[in-house]
Structures are given as structure tokens and as C-alpha cells.
């Protein structure tokens, strides 16, 4: 008898079972939802499609000139972008309409 015959074969290894780890729940901060304040009415009659009530054939209240300065219809012309009063008026009109400050040219 040789040594090989006397040896006991090793026990078969047990296979590991794959256990999927549970994902930890993500904790997110809870924000309180507040009602947005109603925008201040600076230009009565101003809507998304209509000009303010004070606008007419003589000129526009927002631009202060003879062309329409409605934010949804065209806005200010290049010559009036340096006019601080016109900029303030168009920013107020945009705020009244609830527009986001996406348009960087008036910000």
C-alpha cells in the first residue's frame, strides 16, 4: 500500500450562495412647499398675450418709446438695453408674468 491509497480525499467545498445586499434607503431632506407670493401688479392689464392697459398707439409703458416692449412679444431693442429705467420696467413686467430669469440679457 502506498501513501496515496491511504489518504482520505478532501471533502468537497461548499459553494457560496450569492446574497444580494439590500440597498440602503436614501434619506433626502424634506422641503416645505410654500405658496408663491402673488406677483405685484405694476402694469394693470398685462397678460401673456395682451399689452398693459396704459399702452396705446402713442407708445409702450414698458419700453417708454413708440415700440412694444412686452417681454413675450419682442422685449427691448438693443439701443434701450443701456436704459436703466426701461430695464427696471421690463424686469417688473417679467416678474408680473411669472417668467423665470432665463433671459440673461435683461438680468
C-alpha atoms as a PDB file:
ATOM      1  CA  UNK A   1       0.000   0.000   0.000  1.00  0.00           C
ATOM      2  CA  UNK A   2       1.265   3.297  -0.879  1.00  0.00           C
ATOM      3  CA  UNK A   3       0.534   6.522   0.855  1.00  0.00           C
ATOM      4  CA  UNK A   4      -1.713   7.684  -1.855  1.00  0.00           C
ATOM      5  CA  UNK A   5      -4.098   4.833  -1.258  1.00  0.00           C
ATOM      6  CA  UNK A   6      -4.328   5.602   2.466  1.00  0.00           C
ATOM      7  CA  UNK A   7      -5.088   9.267   2.010  1.00  0.00           C
ATOM      8  CA  UNK A   8      -8.597  10.430   2.520  1.00  0.00           C
ATOM      9  CA  UNK A   9      -9.837  12.574  -0.322  1.00  0.00           C
ATOM     10  CA  UNK A  10     -10.546  16.155   0.755  1.00  0.00           C
ATOM     11  CA  UNK A  11     -14.159  16.992   1.442  1.00  0.00           C
ATOM     12  CA  UNK A  12     -15.793  18.932  -1.387  1.00  0.00           C
ATOM     13  CA  UNK A  13     -16.030  22.618  -0.685  1.00  0.00           C
ATOM     14  CA  UNK A  14     -19.419  24.093  -0.173  1.00  0.00           C
ATOM     15  CA  UNK A  15     -20.300  26.643  -2.790  1.00  0.00           C
ATOM     16  CA  UNK A  16     -21.083  30.082  -1.524  1.00  0.00           C
ATOM     17  CA  UNK A  17     -24.508  31.384  -2.251  1.00  0.00           C
ATOM     18  CA  UNK A  18     -24.609  34.838  -3.735  1.00  0.00           C
ATOM     19  CA  UNK A  19     -26.554  37.084  -1.436  1.00  0.00           C
ATOM     20  CA  UNK A  20     -27.661  40.368  -2.883  1.00  0.00           C
ATOM     21  CA  UNK A  21     -27.079  43.188  -0.480  1.00  0.00           C
ATOM     22  CA  UNK A  22     -30.081  45.326   0.191  1.00  0.00           C
ATOM     23  CA  UNK A  23     -29.665  48.913  -0.867  1.00  0.00           C
ATOM     24  CA  UNK A  24     -29.721  51.394   1.916  1.00  0.00           C
ATOM     25  CA  UNK A  25     -32.619  53.814   1.690  1.00  0.00           C
ATOM     26  CA  UNK A  26     -31.585  57.253   0.563  1.00  0.00           C
ATOM     27  CA  UNK A  27     -32.531  59.922   3.015  1.00  0.00           C
ATOM     28  CA  UNK A  28     -33.486  63.136   1.393  1.00  0.00           C
ATOM     29  CA  UNK A  29     -34.217  66.398   3.055  1.00  0.00           C
ATOM     30  CA  UNK A  30     -37.881  67.252   3.081  1.00  0.00           C
ATOM     31  CA  UNK A  31     -38.606  70.706   1.788  1.00  0.00           C
ATOM     32  CA  UNK A  32     -41.625  72.575   2.889  1.00  0.00           C
ATOM     33  CA  UNK A  33     -43.697  73.637  -0.058  1.00  0.00           C
ATOM     34  CA  UNK A  34     -44.761  77.219   0.287  1.00  0.00           C
ATOM     35  CA  UNK A  35     -47.231  79.051  -1.824  1.00  0.00           C
ATOM     36  CA  UNK A  36     -45.501  81.588  -4.058  1.00  0.00           C
ATOM     37  CA  UNK A  37     -46.437  85.145  -3.360  1.00  0.00           C
ATOM     38  CA  UNK A  38     -48.766  86.664  -5.881  1.00  0.00           C
ATOM     39  CA  UNK A  39     -46.753  88.919  -8.167  1.00  0.00           C
ATOM     40  CA  UNK A  40     -47.210  92.612  -7.618  1.00  0.00           C
ATOM     41  CA  UNK A  41     -49.362  94.213 -10.318  1.00  0.00           C
ATOM     42  CA  UNK A  42     -47.258  97.045 -11.685  1.00  0.00           C
ATOM     43  CA  UNK A  43     -48.794  97.109 -15.160  1.00  0.00           C
ATOM     44  CA  UNK A  44     -52.578  96.552 -14.950  1.00  0.00           C
ATOM     45  CA  UNK A  45     -53.967  94.539 -17.847  1.00  0.00           C
ATOM     46  CA  UNK A  46     -50.631  92.924 -18.742  1.00  0.00           C
ATOM     47  CA  UNK A  47     -51.043  89.243 -19.649  1.00  0.00           C
ATOM     48  CA  UNK A  48     -49.046  86.670 -21.608  1.00  0.00           C
ATOM     49  CA  UNK A  49     -50.635  87.835 -24.873  1.00  0.00           C
ATOM     50  CA  UNK A  50     -52.028  91.321 -24.197  1.00  0.00           C
ATOM     51  CA  UNK A  51     -50.168  94.554 -23.546  1.00  0.00           C
ATOM     52  CA  UNK A  52     -50.769  96.663 -20.465  1.00  0.00           C
ATOM     53  CA  UNK A  53     -53.849  98.859 -20.325  1.00  0.00           C
ATOM     54  CA  UNK A  54     -51.740 102.036 -20.463  1.00  0.00           C
ATOM     55  CA  UNK A  55     -50.100 101.028 -23.763  1.00  0.00           C
ATOM     56  CA  UNK A  56     -51.530 102.510 -26.902  1.00  0.00           C
ATOM     57  CA  UNK A  57     -50.711 103.984 -30.292  1.00  0.00           C
ATOM     58  CA  UNK A  58     -48.604 106.707 -28.658  1.00  0.00           C
ATOM     59  CA  UNK A  59     -46.195 104.227 -27.113  1.00  0.00           C
ATOM     60  CA  UNK A  60     -45.499 101.423 -24.722  1.00  0.00           C
ATOM     61  CA  UNK A  61     -45.373 101.741 -20.942  1.00  0.00           C
ATOM     62  CA  UNK A  62     -42.608  99.135 -20.625  1.00  0.00           C
ATOM     63  CA  UNK A  63     -40.197 100.441 -23.249  1.00  0.00           C
ATOM     64  CA  UNK A  64     -41.107 104.088 -22.831  1.00  0.00           C
ATOM     65  CA  UNK A  65     -40.883 104.513 -26.628  1.00  0.00           C
ATOM     66  CA  UNK A  66     -43.106 104.052 -29.641  1.00  0.00           C
ATOM     67  CA  UNK A  67     -42.397 100.306 -29.998  1.00  0.00           C
ATOM     68  CA  UNK A  68     -43.845  97.440 -27.911  1.00  0.00           C
ATOM     69  CA  UNK A  69     -41.601  96.246 -25.105  1.00  0.00           C
ATOM     70  CA  UNK A  70     -43.795  93.316 -23.987  1.00  0.00           C
ATOM     71  CA  UNK A  71     -41.465  90.509 -22.771  1.00  0.00           C
ATOM     72  CA  UNK A  72     -43.303  87.835 -24.807  1.00  0.00           C
ATOM     73  CA  UNK A  73     -43.639  89.928 -27.953  1.00  0.00           C
ATOM     74  CA  UNK A  74     -40.119  91.155 -28.501  1.00  0.00           C
ATOM     75  CA  UNK A  75     -38.768  92.957 -25.483  1.00  0.00           C
ATOM     76  CA  UNK A  76     -36.415  95.889 -25.584  1.00  0.00           C
ATOM     77  CA  UNK A  77     -34.444  96.935 -28.613  1.00  0.00           C
ATOM     78  CA  UNK A  78     -30.657  96.971 -28.465  1.00  0.00           C
ATOM     79  CA  UNK A  79     -30.498 100.733 -28.031  1.00  0.00           C
ATOM     80  CA  UNK A  80     -32.587 100.635 -24.859  1.00  0.00           C
ATOM     81  CA  UNK A  81     -30.706  97.878 -23.053  1.00  0.00           C
ATOM     82  CA  UNK A  82     -28.476 100.563 -21.527  1.00  0.00           C
ATOM     83  CA  UNK A  83     -31.510 102.500 -20.258  1.00  0.00           C
ATOM     84  CA  UNK A  84     -31.830 101.621 -16.548  1.00  0.00           C
ATOM     85  CA  UNK A  85     -35.465 102.747 -16.277  1.00  0.00           C
ATOM     86  CA  UNK A  86     -36.515 100.581 -19.240  1.00  0.00           C
ATOM     87  CA  UNK A  87     -34.595  97.622 -17.801  1.00  0.00           C
ATOM     88  CA  UNK A  88     -36.313  98.031 -14.441  1.00  0.00           C
ATOM     89  CA  UNK A  89     -39.735  98.194 -16.122  1.00  0.00           C
ATOM     90  CA  UNK A  90     -39.170  95.078 -18.246  1.00  0.00           C
ATOM     91  CA  UNK A  91     -37.906  93.155 -15.201  1.00  0.00           C
ATOM     92  CA  UNK A  92     -41.063  94.156 -13.321  1.00  0.00           C
ATOM     93  CA  UNK A  93     -43.187  93.040 -16.276  1.00  0.00           C
ATOM     94  CA  UNK A  94     -41.365  89.698 -16.419  1.00  0.00           C
ATOM     95  CA  UNK A  95     -41.892  89.224 -12.700  1.00  0.00           C
ATOM     96  CA  UNK A  96     -45.579  90.077 -13.061  1.00  0.00           C
ATOM     97  CA  UNK A  97     -45.948  87.479 -15.831  1.00  0.00           C
ATOM     98  CA  UNK A  98     -44.134  84.884 -13.722  1.00  0.00           C
ATOM     99  CA  UNK A  99     -41.312  84.435 -16.184  1.00  0.00           C
ATOM    100  CA  UNK A 100     -38.120  82.828 -14.966  1.00  0.00           C
ATOM    101  CA  UNK A 101     -34.912  84.808 -15.213  1.00  0.00           C
ATOM    102  CA  UNK A 102     -33.789  82.713 -18.179  1.00  0.00           C
ATOM    103  CA  UNK A 103     -33.225  85.684 -20.347  1.00  0.00           C
ATOM    104  CA  UNK A 104     -29.813  86.898 -19.270  1.00  0.00           C
ATOM    105  CA  UNK A 105     -29.930  89.971 -21.483  1.00  0.00           C
ATOM    106  CA  UNK A 106     -32.308  91.725 -19.078  1.00  0.00           C
ATOM    107  CA  UNK A 107     -30.875  90.387 -15.811  1.00  0.00           C
END
